[in-house]
Amino acid sequence: MFPRHVRAALVASLAAYTVLLLYFMYFGFDRISHADNRAYAYNLVPDGIPLNLPTGRDFRIWLFNFSNFAAFLPYGMLIPLLFRCRFLRFLGVFLLAILMLEAVQMLTHLGSFDMDDVLMNSLGASVGFLAQRSVPGSKDTWTGMGKAVVMAILLSFGTTVVVAGINNLYAKATKIEAGRIVGLHELPLKAGSVAWDTSLPSFEVGGRKVEPQLNLFSRNNPGTVMFTYRLDGKYMTLSGYSAVPDDVARGESTIIYTVDGKEIGTASYAVNGTDRDSDPGYFESDLRGADELTVTVMNKDRPTTNVLLWDLTLTEIKP
């Protein structure tokens, strides 16, 4: 066992570290100002283990995913030494705690319940546990802890290489090729109604001329419109643009994209004179496996639309 004063210092350090993690989970990255009160965000089916080598990837996304793994290494290393326990008991309690924290994120609209995060957090804690158990002799010394840290680094690198290799093999085996591009207006409506402007007139956003190439959400649509298309799992992605044109002086608009009952994207605009967004907003989302797409456009204080959507396209999955 650690000497009493060392054990107390480690417990205090782990508690402070936990408070810091909780801050980032619930308050960091300006989560409160982006809290969405319309629907709960969740992902119950894991998309895989997003642990890869940083080469050939967006570094910020890679760092975020790796942090979800590395940030939980200390729990696997320290908790079994401070509170003697076997692996299955440790993992069971850890999983229960992570699932509760993820649920609170979803219920408070300060994040989502994401099984991908649960997998990454649990993998990090498990590697930390294995690291301290792999060090021979006593770990209740600074030398022993130093060896455990080195072992955790080596095992983390090895785990990353192995998982990245598995991910690469899986991606090759399940690779989906893109087919033709289809305008959203070309699909038959399943529910609701929407008017598309067939003349595709140009307009200005931020003093710059915009010329739609494929489709344009008509200004004659009423203040609130909801329309649904059937996808039948045939499409890879949805993409398009939205903005409030310069000739609209005042108003508020919200666009919500929903796939199979789950909200996948939201864009909100508030215009008051010259106080406005000067750039068109671009939207792109994965549709693989999706059966239905619903678009909701809400406009406040006007009988017709404030916001325009244009060049909304679907990329087919190549047969």
C-alpha atoms as a PDB file:
ATOM      1  CA  MET A   1       0.000   0.000   0.000  1.00  0.00           C
ATOM      2  CA  PHE A   2       1.043   3.609  -0.504  1.00  0.00           C
ATOM      3  CA  PRO A   3       2.147   5.550   2.558  1.00  0.00           C
ATOM      4  CA  ARG A   4      -0.811   7.439   4.029  1.00  0.00           C
ATOM      5  CA  HIS A   5       0.308  10.881   2.879  1.00  0.00           C
ATOM      6  CA  VAL A   6       1.043   9.635  -0.675  1.00  0.00           C
ATOM      7  CA  ARG A   7      -2.302   7.867  -0.870  1.00  0.00           C
ATOM      8  CA  ALA A   8      -4.096  11.022   0.293  1.00  0.00           C
ATOM      9  CA  ALA A   9      -2.276  13.107  -2.310  1.00  0.00           C
ATOM     10  CA  LEU A  10      -3.170  10.650  -5.099  1.00  0.00           C
ATOM     11  CA  VAL A  11      -6.843  10.541  -4.053  1.00  0.00           C
ATOM     12  CA  ALA A  12      -6.972  14.353  -3.996  1.00  0.00           C
ATOM     13  CA  SER A  13      -5.262  14.560  -7.393  1.00  0.00           C
ATOM     14  CA  LEU A  14      -7.660  12.038  -8.908  1.00  0.00           C
ATOM     15  CA  ALA A  15     -10.628  13.942  -7.460  1.00  0.00           C
ATOM     16  CA  ALA A  16      -9.350  17.244  -8.899  1.00  0.00           C
ATOM     17  CA  TYR A  17      -8.748  15.558 -12.252  1.00  0.00           C
ATOM     18  CA  THR A  18     -12.326  14.216 -12.206  1.00  0.00           C
ATOM     19  CA  VAL A  19     -13.711  17.704 -11.527  1.00  0.00           C
ATOM     20  CA  LEU A  20     -11.722  19.019 -14.505  1.00  0.00           C
ATOM     21  CA  LEU A  21     -13.090  16.269 -16.765  1.00  0.00           C
ATOM     22  CA  LEU A  22     -16.641  16.966 -15.604  1.00  0.00           C
ATOM     23  CA  TYR A  23     -16.154  20.639 -16.407  1.00  0.00           C
ATOM     24  CA  PHE A  24     -15.165  19.828 -19.988  1.00  0.00           C
ATOM     25  CA  MET A  25     -18.002  17.297 -20.313  1.00  0.00           C
ATOM     26  CA  TYR A  26     -20.720  19.720 -19.216  1.00  0.00           C
ATOM     27  CA  PHE A  27     -19.449  23.288 -19.481  1.00  0.00           C
ATOM     28  CA  GLY A  28     -16.358  23.358 -21.701  1.00  0.00           C
ATOM     29  CA  PHE A  29     -16.348  24.321 -25.383  1.00  0.00           C
ATOM     30  CA  ASP A  30     -19.189  26.822 -24.747  1.00  0.00           C
ATOM     31  CA  ARG A  31     -21.712  23.995 -24.311  1.00  0.00           C
ATOM     32  CA  ILE A  32     -24.291  26.067 -22.404  1.00  0.00           C
ATOM     33  CA  SER A  33     -24.760  28.657 -25.155  1.00  0.00           C
ATOM     34  CA  HIS A  34     -25.216  25.861 -27.708  1.00  0.00           C
ATOM     35  CA  ALA A  35     -27.653  23.816 -25.607  1.00  0.00           C
ATOM     36  CA  ASP A  36     -30.491  22.592 -27.799  1.00  0.00           C
ATOM     37  CA  ASN A  37     -33.826  22.302 -26.028  1.00  0.00           C
ATOM     38  CA  ARG A  38     -35.801  20.850 -28.911  1.00  0.00           C
ATOM     39  CA  ALA A  39     -34.719  17.223 -28.825  1.00  0.00           C
ATOM     40  CA  TYR A  40     -32.414  14.798 -27.061  1.00  0.00           C
ATOM     41  CA  ALA A  41     -29.206  13.895 -28.907  1.00  0.00           C
ATOM     42  CA  TYR A  42     -28.078  10.284 -28.751  1.00  0.00           C
ATOM     43  CA  ASN A  43     -26.221   7.557 -30.599  1.00  0.00           C
ATOM     44  CA  LEU A  44     -27.094   4.100 -29.292  1.00  0.00           C
ATOM     45  CA  VAL A  45     -25.405   2.084 -32.047  1.00  0.00           C
ATOM     46  CA  PRO A  46     -21.591   2.393 -32.050  1.00  0.00           C
ATOM     47  CA  ASP A  47     -20.067   3.405 -35.374  1.00  0.00           C
ATOM     48  CA  GLY A  48     -16.828   1.628 -34.455  1.00  0.00           C
ATOM     49  CA  ILE A  49     -13.829   2.594 -32.363  1.00  0.00           C
ATOM     50  CA  PRO A  50     -12.648   6.033 -33.613  1.00  0.00           C
ATOM     51  CA  LEU A  51      -9.025   5.453 -32.635  1.00  0.00           C
ATOM     52  CA  ASN A  52      -6.534   5.935 -35.459  1.00  0.00           C
ATOM     53  CA  LEU A  53      -3.060   7.212 -36.217  1.00  0.00           C
ATOM     54  CA  PRO A  54      -2.982  10.982 -36.881  1.00  0.00           C
ATOM     55  CA  THR A  55      -1.485  10.723 -40.360  1.00  0.00           C
ATOM     56  CA  GLY A  56      -3.773  11.685 -43.222  1.00  0.00           C
ATOM     57  CA  ARG A  57      -6.538  12.982 -40.942  1.00  0.00           C
ATOM     58  CA  ASP A  58      -7.917  16.256 -39.638  1.00  0.00           C
ATOM     59  CA  PHE A  59      -5.687  16.791 -36.586  1.00  0.00           C
ATOM     60  CA  ARG A  60      -8.391  18.435 -34.471  1.00  0.00           C
ATOM     61  CA  ILE A  61     -10.788  15.523 -34.975  1.00  0.00           C
ATOM     62  CA  TRP A  62      -8.009  13.012 -34.319  1.00  0.00           C
ATOM     63  CA  LEU A  63      -6.990  14.860 -31.133  1.00  0.00           C
ATOM     64  CA  PHE A  64     -10.579  14.931 -29.882  1.00  0.00           C
ATOM     65  CA  ASN A  65     -11.000  11.183 -30.441  1.00  0.00           C
ATOM     66  CA  PHE A  66      -7.622  10.326 -28.927  1.00  0.00           C
ATOM     67  CA  SER A  67      -8.365  12.518 -25.893  1.00  0.00           C
ATOM     68  CA  ASN A  68     -11.532  10.478 -25.270  1.00  0.00           C
ATOM     69  CA  PHE A  69      -9.206   7.470 -24.963  1.00  0.00           C
ATOM     70  CA  ALA A  70      -6.176   8.929 -23.194  1.00  0.00           C
ATOM     71  CA  ALA A  71      -8.083  11.016 -20.640  1.00  0.00           C
ATOM     72  CA  PHE A  72      -9.321   7.868 -18.912  1.00  0.00           C
ATOM     73  CA  LEU A  73      -5.998   6.049 -18.655  1.00  0.00           C
ATOM     74  CA  PRO A  74      -5.359   7.447 -15.132  1.00  0.00           C
ATOM     75  CA  TYR A  75      -8.510   5.798 -13.772  1.00  0.00           C
ATOM     76  CA  GLY A  76      -7.377   2.354 -14.868  1.00  0.00           C
ATOM     77  CA  MET A  77      -3.926   2.982 -13.423  1.00  0.00           C
ATOM     78  CA  LEU A  78      -4.793   4.559 -10.073  1.00  0.00           C
ATOM     79  CA  ILE A  79      -8.163   3.237  -8.914  1.00  0.00           C
ATOM     80  CA  PRO A  80      -7.032  -0.438  -8.665  1.00  0.00           C
ATOM     81  CA  LEU A  81      -3.995   0.688  -6.647  1.00  0.00           C
ATOM     82  CA  LEU A  82      -5.946   2.988  -4.325  1.00  0.00           C
ATOM     83  CA  PHE A  83      -8.975   0.724  -3.949  1.00  0.00           C
ATOM     84  CA  ARG A  84      -7.987  -2.882  -4.525  1.00  0.00           C
ATOM     85  CA  CYS A  85     -10.281  -4.476  -7.119  1.00  0.00           C
ATOM     86  CA  ARG A  86     -10.261  -6.999  -9.932  1.00  0.00           C
ATOM     87  CA  PHE A  87     -10.667  -6.045 -13.580  1.00  0.00           C
ATOM     88  CA  LEU A  88     -14.299  -7.112 -14.098  1.00  0.00           C
ATOM     89  CA  ARG A  89     -15.449  -5.303 -10.974  1.00  0.00           C
ATOM     90  CA  PHE A  90     -13.502  -2.191 -11.942  1.00  0.00           C
ATOM     91  CA  LEU A  91     -14.834  -2.226 -15.512  1.00  0.00           C
ATOM     92  CA  GLY A  92     -18.411  -2.804 -14.366  1.00  0.00           C
ATOM     93  CA  VAL A  93     -18.386   0.165 -11.982  1.00  0.00           C
ATOM     94  CA  PHE A  94     -16.592   2.323 -14.561  1.00  0.00           C
ATOM     95  CA  LEU A  95     -19.145   1.499 -17.286  1.00  0.00           C
ATOM     96  CA  LEU A  96     -22.031   2.287 -14.950  1.00  0.00           C
ATOM     97  CA  ALA A  97     -20.497   5.673 -14.077  1.00  0.00           C
ATOM     98  CA  ILE A  98     -19.796   6.584 -17.731  1.00  0.00           C
ATOM     99  CA  LEU A  99     -23.291   5.583 -18.839  1.00  0.00           C
ATOM    100  CA  MET A 100     -24.784   7.791 -16.114  1.00  0.00           C
ATOM    101  CA  LEU A 101     -22.602  10.760 -17.106  1.00  0.00           C
ATOM    102  CA  GLU A 102     -23.518  10.340 -20.777  1.00  0.00           C
ATOM    103  CA  ALA A 103     -27.215  10.174 -19.861  1.00  0.00           C
ATOM    104  CA  VAL A 104     -26.931  13.410 -17.862  1.00  0.00           C
ATOM    105  CA  GLN A 105     -25.272  15.087 -20.865  1.00  0.00           C
ATOM    106  CA  MET A 106     -28.234  14.132 -23.025  1.00  0.00           C
ATOM    107  CA  LEU A 107     -30.941  15.028 -20.496  1.00  0.00           C
ATOM    108  CA  THR A 108     -29.440  18.470 -19.822  1.00  0.00           C
ATOM    109  CA  HIS A 109     -28.914  19.158 -23.564  1.00  0.00           C
ATOM    110  CA  LEU A 110     -25.230  19.829 -22.827  1.00  0.00           C
ATOM    111  CA  GLY A 111     -24.090  17.000 -25.064  1.00  0.00           C
ATOM    112  CA  SER A 112     -25.241  13.658 -26.379  1.00  0.00           C
ATOM    113  CA  PHE A 113     -25.485  10.089 -25.161  1.00  0.00           C
ATOM    114  CA  ASP A 114     -22.877   8.574 -27.456  1.00  0.00           C
ATOM    115  CA  MET A 115     -21.902   4.906 -27.338  1.00  0.00           C
ATOM    116  CA  ASP A 116     -18.767   5.744 -29.337  1.00  0.00           C
ATOM    117  CA  ASP A 117     -17.600   7.852 -26.379  1.00  0.00           C
ATOM    118  CA  VAL A 118     -18.475   5.053 -23.952  1.00  0.00           C
ATOM    119  CA  LEU A 119     -16.326   2.618 -25.956  1.00  0.00           C
ATOM    120  CA  MET A 120     -13.369   5.009 -26.150  1.00  0.00           C
ATOM    121  CA  ASN A 121     -13.517   5.923 -22.456  1.00  0.00           C
ATOM    122  CA  SER A 122     -13.760   2.265 -21.416  1.00  0.00           C
ATOM    123  CA  LEU A 123     -10.905   1.255 -23.724  1.00  0.00           C
ATOM    124  CA  GLY A 124      -8.685   3.933 -22.187  1.00  0.00           C
ATOM    125  CA  ALA A 125      -9.501   2.831 -18.639  1.00  0.00           C
ATOM    126  CA  SER A 126      -8.903  -0.832 -19.575  1.00  0.00           C
ATOM    127  CA  VAL A 127      -5.488  -0.070 -21.103  1.00  0.00           C
ATOM    128  CA  GLY A 128      -4.570   1.863 -17.952  1.00  0.00           C
ATOM    129  CA  PHE A 129      -5.582  -1.107 -15.804  1.00  0.00           C
ATOM    130  CA  LEU A 130      -3.510  -3.490 -17.946  1.00  0.00           C
ATOM    131  CA  ALA A 131      -0.528  -1.109 -17.803  1.00  0.00           C
ATOM    132  CA  GLN A 132      -0.269  -1.110 -14.001  1.00  0.00           C
ATOM    133  CA  ARG A 133      -0.878  -4.856 -13.816  1.00  0.00           C
ATOM    134  CA  SER A 134       1.897  -5.491 -16.370  1.00  0.00           C
ATOM    135  CA  VAL A 135       4.581  -3.889 -14.216  1.00  0.00           C
ATOM    136  CA  PRO A 136       6.394  -6.522 -12.113  1.00  0.00           C
ATOM    137  CA  GLY A 137       6.994  -5.918  -8.431  1.00  0.00           C
ATOM    138  CA  SER A 138       5.511  -3.207  -6.265  1.00  0.00           C
ATOM    139  CA  LYS A 139       3.627  -0.338  -7.903  1.00  0.00           C
ATOM    140  CA  ASP A 140       3.120   1.465  -4.591  1.00  0.00           C
ATOM    141  CA  THR A 141       6.281   3.518  -5.108  1.00  0.00           C
ATOM    142  CA  TRP A 142       7.183   6.446  -7.333  1.00  0.00           C
ATOM    143  CA  THR A 143       9.517   4.146  -9.287  1.00  0.00           C
ATOM    144  CA  GLY A 144       6.766   1.598  -9.757  1.00  0.00           C
ATOM    145  CA  MET A 145       4.303   4.307 -10.842  1.00  0.00           C
ATOM    146  CA  GLY A 146       6.870   5.650 -13.292  1.00  0.00           C
ATOM    147  CA  LYS A 147       7.186   2.200 -14.849  1.00  0.00           C
ATOM    148  CA  ALA A 148       3.384   1.974 -15.057  1.00  0.00           C
ATOM    149  CA  VAL A 149       3.231   5.311 -16.882  1.00  0.00           C
ATOM    150  CA  VAL A 150       5.841   4.149 -19.403  1.00  0.00           C
ATOM    151  CA  MET A 151       3.922   0.902 -19.872  1.00  0.00           C
ATOM    152  CA  ALA A 152       0.682   2.875 -20.401  1.00  0.00           C
ATOM    153  CA  ILE A 153       2.351   4.927 -23.137  1.00  0.00           C
ATOM    154  CA  LEU A 154       3.637   1.804 -24.889  1.00  0.00           C
ATOM    155  CA  LEU A 155       0.315  -0.013 -24.606  1.00  0.00           C
ATOM    156  CA  SER A 156      -1.579   3.078 -25.820  1.00  0.00           C
ATOM    157  CA  PHE A 157       0.599   3.236 -28.924  1.00  0.00           C
ATOM    158  CA  GLY A 158       0.204  -0.494 -29.535  1.00  0.00           C
ATOM    159  CA  THR A 159      -3.575  -0.320 -29.025  1.00  0.00           C
ATOM    160  CA  THR A 160      -3.826   2.605 -31.442  1.00  0.00           C
ATOM    161  CA  VAL A 161      -1.870   0.735 -34.117  1.00  0.00           C
ATOM    162  CA  VAL A 162      -3.963  -2.422 -33.727  1.00  0.00           C
ATOM    163  CA  VAL A 163      -7.325  -0.598 -33.713  1.00  0.00           C
ATOM    164  CA  ALA A 164      -6.263   1.574 -36.664  1.00  0.00           C
ATOM    165  CA  GLY A 165      -5.362  -1.573 -38.602  1.00  0.00           C
ATOM    166  CA  ILE A 166      -8.732  -3.160 -37.821  1.00  0.00           C
ATOM    167  CA  ASN A 167     -10.512   0.059 -38.815  1.00  0.00           C
ATOM    168  CA  ASN A 168      -8.628   0.127 -42.110  1.00  0.00           C
ATOM    169  CA  LEU A 169      -9.513  -3.479 -42.929  1.00  0.00           C
ATOM    170  CA  TYR A 170     -13.151  -2.882 -42.018  1.00  0.00           C
ATOM    171  CA  ALA A 171     -13.304   0.289 -44.146  1.00  0.00           C
ATOM    172  CA  LYS A 172     -11.971  -1.610 -47.174  1.00  0.00           C
ATOM    173  CA  ALA A 173     -14.425  -4.454 -46.645  1.00  0.00           C
ATOM    174  CA  THR A 174     -17.419  -2.122 -46.311  1.00  0.00           C
ATOM    175  CA  LYS A 175     -16.359   0.628 -48.707  1.00  0.00           C
ATOM    176  CA  ILE A 176     -19.254   2.459 -50.343  1.00  0.00           C
ATOM    177  CA  GLU A 177     -18.692   4.287 -53.623  1.00  0.00           C
ATOM    178  CA  ALA A 178     -20.485   7.479 -54.505  1.00  0.00           C
ATOM    179  CA  GLY A 179     -22.919   7.494 -57.391  1.00  0.00           C
ATOM    180  CA  ARG A 180     -24.731  10.349 -59.091  1.00  0.00           C
ATOM    181  CA  ILE A 181     -25.787  13.625 -57.475  1.00  0.00           C
ATOM    182  CA  VAL A 182     -29.553  14.136 -57.141  1.00  0.00           C
ATOM    183  CA  GLY A 183     -31.353  17.371 -56.331  1.00  0.00           C
ATOM    184  CA  LEU A 184     -33.618  17.113 -53.309  1.00  0.00           C
ATOM    185  CA  HIS A 185     -36.466  18.598 -55.329  1.00  0.00           C
ATOM    186  CA  GLU A 186     -36.325  15.595 -57.690  1.00  0.00           C
ATOM    187  CA  LEU A 187     -37.563  13.182 -55.025  1.00  0.00           C
ATOM    188  CA  PRO A 188     -41.318  12.646 -54.597  1.00  0.00           C
ATOM    189  CA  LEU A 189     -42.692  13.941 -51.308  1.00  0.00           C
ATOM    190  CA  LYS A 190     -43.845  11.392 -48.739  1.00  0.00           C
ATOM    191  CA  ALA A 191     -45.496  13.928 -46.447  1.00  0.00           C
ATOM    192  CA  GLY A 192     -46.015  17.683 -46.183  1.00  0.00           C
ATOM    193  CA  SER A 193     -45.623  20.218 -48.960  1.00  0.00           C
ATOM    194  CA  VAL A 194     -42.900  22.531 -50.216  1.00  0.00           C
ATOM    195  CA  ALA A 195     -42.570  24.945 -53.125  1.00  0.00           C
ATOM    196  CA  TRP A 196     -39.353  25.072 -55.151  1.00  0.00           C
ATOM    197  CA  ASP A 197     -38.569  28.106 -57.322  1.00  0.00           C
ATOM    198  CA  THR A 198     -38.050  26.729 -60.831  1.00  0.00           C
ATOM    199  CA  SER A 199     -36.643  29.994 -62.214  1.00  0.00           C
ATOM    200  CA  LEU A 200     -33.630  29.916 -59.832  1.00  0.00           C
ATOM    201  CA  PRO A 201     -33.317  33.721 -59.448  1.00  0.00           C
ATOM    202  CA  SER A 202     -30.078  35.130 -58.048  1.00  0.00           C
ATOM    203  CA  PHE A 203     -29.893  37.086 -54.782  1.00  0.00           C
ATOM    204  CA  GLU A 204     -27.249  38.679 -52.549  1.00  0.00           C
ATOM    205  CA  VAL A 205     -25.849  37.516 -49.230  1.00  0.00           C
ATOM    206  CA  GLY A 206     -23.350  39.799 -47.530  1.00  0.00           C
ATOM    207  CA  GLY A 207     -23.149  41.932 -50.674  1.00  0.00           C
ATOM    208  CA  ARG A 208     -22.133  38.957 -52.808  1.00  0.00           C
ATOM    209  CA  LYS A 209     -24.239  37.555 -55.602  1.00  0.00           C
ATOM    210  CA  VAL A 210     -25.506  34.000 -55.166  1.00  0.00           C
ATOM    211  CA  GLU A 211     -26.705  32.034 -58.186  1.00  0.00           C
ATOM    212  CA  PRO A 212     -28.407  28.714 -57.320  1.00  0.00           C
ATOM    213  CA  GLN A 213     -27.485  25.947 -59.736  1.00  0.00           C
ATOM    214  CA  LEU A 214     -29.914  23.142 -58.931  1.00  0.00           C
ATOM    215  CA  ASN A 215     -32.818  24.127 -56.706  1.00  0.00           C
ATOM    216  CA  LEU A 216     -34.076  27.000 -54.544  1.00  0.00           C
ATOM    217  CA  PHE A 217     -36.557  26.994 -51.665  1.00  0.00           C
ATOM    218  CA  SER A 218     -39.281  29.362 -52.841  1.00  0.00           C
ATOM    219  CA  ARG A 219     -39.960  32.611 -51.015  1.00  0.00           C
ATOM    220  CA  ASN A 220     -43.645  31.874 -51.458  1.00  0.00           C
ATOM    221  CA  ASN A 221     -43.503  29.094 -48.898  1.00  0.00           C
ATOM    222  CA  PRO A 222     -45.459  29.951 -45.726  1.00  0.00           C
ATOM    223  CA  GLY A 223     -43.816  30.855 -42.438  1.00  0.00           C
ATOM    224  CA  THR A 224     -43.464  27.260 -41.241  1.00  0.00           C
ATOM    225  CA  VAL A 225     -42.976  24.309 -43.596  1.00  0.00           C
ATOM    226  CA  MET A 226     -42.296  20.647 -42.843  1.00  0.00           C
ATOM    227  CA  PHE A 227     -41.751  18.125 -45.623  1.00  0.00           C
ATOM    228  CA  THR A 228     -40.553  14.530 -45.723  1.00  0.00           C
ATOM    229  CA  TYR A 229     -38.838  12.456 -48.415  1.00  0.00           C
ATOM    230  CA  ARG A 230     -38.387   8.688 -48.509  1.00  0.00           C
ATOM    231  CA  LEU A 231     -34.730   7.669 -48.943  1.00  0.00           C
ATOM    232  CA  ASP A 232     -34.898   3.862 -48.634  1.00  0.00           C
ATOM    233  CA  GLY A 233     -31.203   3.671 -47.746  1.00  0.00           C
ATOM    234  CA  LYS A 234     -30.138   4.709 -51.257  1.00  0.00           C
ATOM    235  CA  TYR A 235     -28.080   7.796 -50.398  1.00  0.00           C
ATOM    236  CA  MET A 236     -24.702   8.562 -48.819  1.00  0.00           C
ATOM    237  CA  THR A 237     -24.875  12.245 -47.970  1.00  0.00           C
ATOM    238  CA  LEU A 238     -27.095  15.310 -47.886  1.00  0.00           C
ATOM    239  CA  SER A 239     -25.539  18.717 -48.526  1.00  0.00           C
ATOM    240  CA  GLY A 240     -26.642  22.238 -49.352  1.00  0.00           C
ATOM    241  CA  TYR A 241     -26.598  25.925 -48.472  1.00  0.00           C
ATOM    242  CA  SER A 242     -28.806  28.288 -46.502  1.00  0.00           C
ATOM    243  CA  ALA A 243     -28.789  32.009 -45.693  1.00  0.00           C
ATOM    244  CA  VAL A 244     -31.032  35.030 -45.237  1.00  0.00           C
ATOM    245  CA  PRO A 245     -30.702  37.270 -48.325  1.00  0.00           C
ATOM    246  CA  ASP A 246     -29.729  40.929 -47.959  1.00  0.00           C
ATOM    247  CA  ASP A 247     -33.157  42.217 -48.984  1.00  0.00           C
ATOM    248  CA  VAL A 248     -34.725  40.775 -45.800  1.00  0.00           C
ATOM    249  CA  ALA A 249     -34.321  43.461 -43.128  1.00  0.00           C
ATOM    250  CA  ARG A 250     -35.758  41.707 -40.088  1.00  0.00           C
ATOM    251  CA  GLY A 251     -36.736  38.215 -39.017  1.00  0.00           C
ATOM    252  CA  GLU A 252     -35.756  34.919 -37.384  1.00  0.00           C
ATOM    253  CA  SER A 253     -35.494  31.523 -39.052  1.00  0.00           C
ATOM    254  CA  THR A 254     -34.605  27.998 -38.012  1.00  0.00           C
ATOM    255  CA  ILE A 255     -33.932  24.975 -40.229  1.00  0.00           C
ATOM    256  CA  ILE A 256     -34.007  21.463 -38.752  1.00  0.00           C
ATOM    257  CA  TYR A 257     -32.874  18.337 -40.608  1.00  0.00           C
ATOM    258  CA  THR A 258     -34.209  15.069 -39.189  1.00  0.00           C
ATOM    259  CA  VAL A 259     -33.339  11.538 -40.320  1.00  0.00           C
ATOM    260  CA  ASP A 260     -35.470   8.616 -39.158  1.00  0.00           C
ATOM    261  CA  GLY A 261     -36.768  10.696 -36.261  1.00  0.00           C
ATOM    262  CA  LYS A 262     -33.292  11.822 -35.110  1.00  0.00           C
ATOM    263  CA  GLU A 263     -32.194  15.438 -35.507  1.00  0.00           C
ATOM    264  CA  ILE A 264     -28.936  15.550 -37.480  1.00  0.00           C
ATOM    265  CA  GLY A 265     -28.478  19.277 -38.035  1.00  0.00           C
ATOM    266  CA  THR A 266     -29.859  22.698 -37.196  1.00  0.00           C
ATOM    267  CA  ALA A 267     -29.225  26.172 -38.598  1.00  0.00           C
ATOM    268  CA  SER A 268     -30.619  29.322 -36.958  1.00  0.00           C
ATOM    269  CA  TYR A 269     -30.632  32.873 -38.324  1.00  0.00           C
ATOM    270  CA  ALA A 270     -31.603  36.178 -36.717  1.00  0.00           C
ATOM    271  CA  VAL A 271     -31.605  39.341 -38.841  1.00  0.00           C
ATOM    272  CA  ASN A 272     -32.062  42.840 -37.494  1.00  0.00           C
ATOM    273  CA  GLY A 273     -31.062  45.515 -39.966  1.00  0.00           C
ATOM    274  CA  THR A 274     -27.345  45.279 -40.699  1.00  0.00           C
ATOM    275  CA  ASP A 275     -26.782  42.742 -37.906  1.00  0.00           C
ATOM    276  CA  ARG A 276     -26.687  39.506 -39.906  1.00  0.00           C
ATOM    277  CA  ASP A 277     -24.568  36.579 -41.040  1.00  0.00           C
ATOM    278  CA  SER A 278     -22.649  37.637 -44.134  1.00  0.00           C
ATOM    279  CA  ASP A 279     -21.776  34.153 -45.441  1.00  0.00           C
ATOM    280  CA  PRO A 280     -23.985  31.317 -46.681  1.00  0.00           C
ATOM    281  CA  GLY A 281     -24.113  28.370 -44.308  1.00  0.00           C
ATOM    282  CA  TYR A 282     -22.991  25.024 -45.760  1.00  0.00           C
ATOM    283  CA  PHE A 283     -24.469  21.797 -44.446  1.00  0.00           C
ATOM    284  CA  GLU A 284     -23.399  18.192 -45.027  1.00  0.00           C
ATOM    285  CA  SER A 285     -24.446  15.035 -43.219  1.00  0.00           C
ATOM    286  CA  ASP A 286     -24.117  11.269 -43.555  1.00  0.00           C
ATOM    287  CA  LEU A 287     -27.313   9.525 -44.733  1.00  0.00           C
ATOM    288  CA  ARG A 288     -26.098   5.943 -45.063  1.00  0.00           C
ATOM    289  CA  GLY A 289     -28.840   3.540 -44.005  1.00  0.00           C
ATOM    290  CA  ALA A 290     -31.419   6.308 -43.648  1.00  0.00           C
ATOM    291  CA  ASP A 291     -35.022   5.639 -44.675  1.00  0.00           C
ATOM    292  CA  GLU A 292     -36.604   9.082 -44.283  1.00  0.00           C
ATOM    293  CA  LEU A 293     -35.479  12.701 -44.343  1.00  0.00           C
ATOM    294  CA  THR A 294     -37.597  15.501 -42.892  1.00  0.00           C
ATOM    295  CA  VAL A 295     -36.771  19.189 -43.344  1.00  0.00           C
ATOM    296  CA  THR A 296     -38.483  21.766 -41.125  1.00  0.00           C
ATOM    297  CA  VAL A 297     -38.209  25.483 -41.905  1.00  0.00           C
ATOM    298  CA  MET A 298     -39.617  27.914 -39.334  1.00  0.00           C
ATOM    299  CA  ASN A 299     -39.833  31.676 -39.933  1.00  0.00           C
ATOM    300  CA  LYS A 300     -40.881  34.122 -37.242  1.00  0.00           C
ATOM    301  CA  ASP A 301     -42.775  37.436 -37.680  1.00  0.00           C
ATOM    302  CA  ARG A 302     -43.364  37.016 -41.437  1.00  0.00           C
ATOM    303  CA  PRO A 303     -46.137  35.312 -43.389  1.00  0.00           C
ATOM    304  CA  THR A 304     -43.547  34.078 -45.895  1.00  0.00           C
ATOM    305  CA  THR A 305     -39.968  32.852 -45.631  1.00  0.00           C
ATOM    306  CA  ASN A 306     -36.928  34.771 -44.399  1.00  0.00           C
ATOM    307  CA  VAL A 307     -34.299  32.111 -45.011  1.00  0.00           C
ATOM    308  CA  LEU A 308     -33.478  30.520 -48.358  1.00  0.00           C
ATOM    309  CA  LEU A 309     -32.126  27.042 -49.003  1.00  0.00           C
ATOM    310  CA  TRP A 310     -30.510  26.173 -52.286  1.00  0.00           C
ATOM    311  CA  ASP A 311     -28.528  23.479 -54.080  1.00  0.00           C
ATOM    312  CA  LEU A 312     -29.743  20.825 -51.640  1.00  0.00           C
ATOM    313  CA  THR A 313     -28.314  17.604 -53.047  1.00  0.00           C
ATOM    314  CA  LEU A 314     -28.219  13.913 -52.262  1.00  0.00           C
ATOM    315  CA  THR A 315     -25.303  11.670 -53.236  1.00  0.00           C
ATOM    316  CA  GLU A 316     -26.473   8.220 -54.258  1.00  0.00           C
ATOM    317  CA  ILE A 317     -24.756   5.024 -53.174  1.00  0.00           C
ATOM    318  CA  LYS A 318     -23.273   3.438 -56.268  1.00  0.00           C
ATOM    319  CA  PRO A 319     -24.839   0.032 -56.978  1.00  0.00           C
END
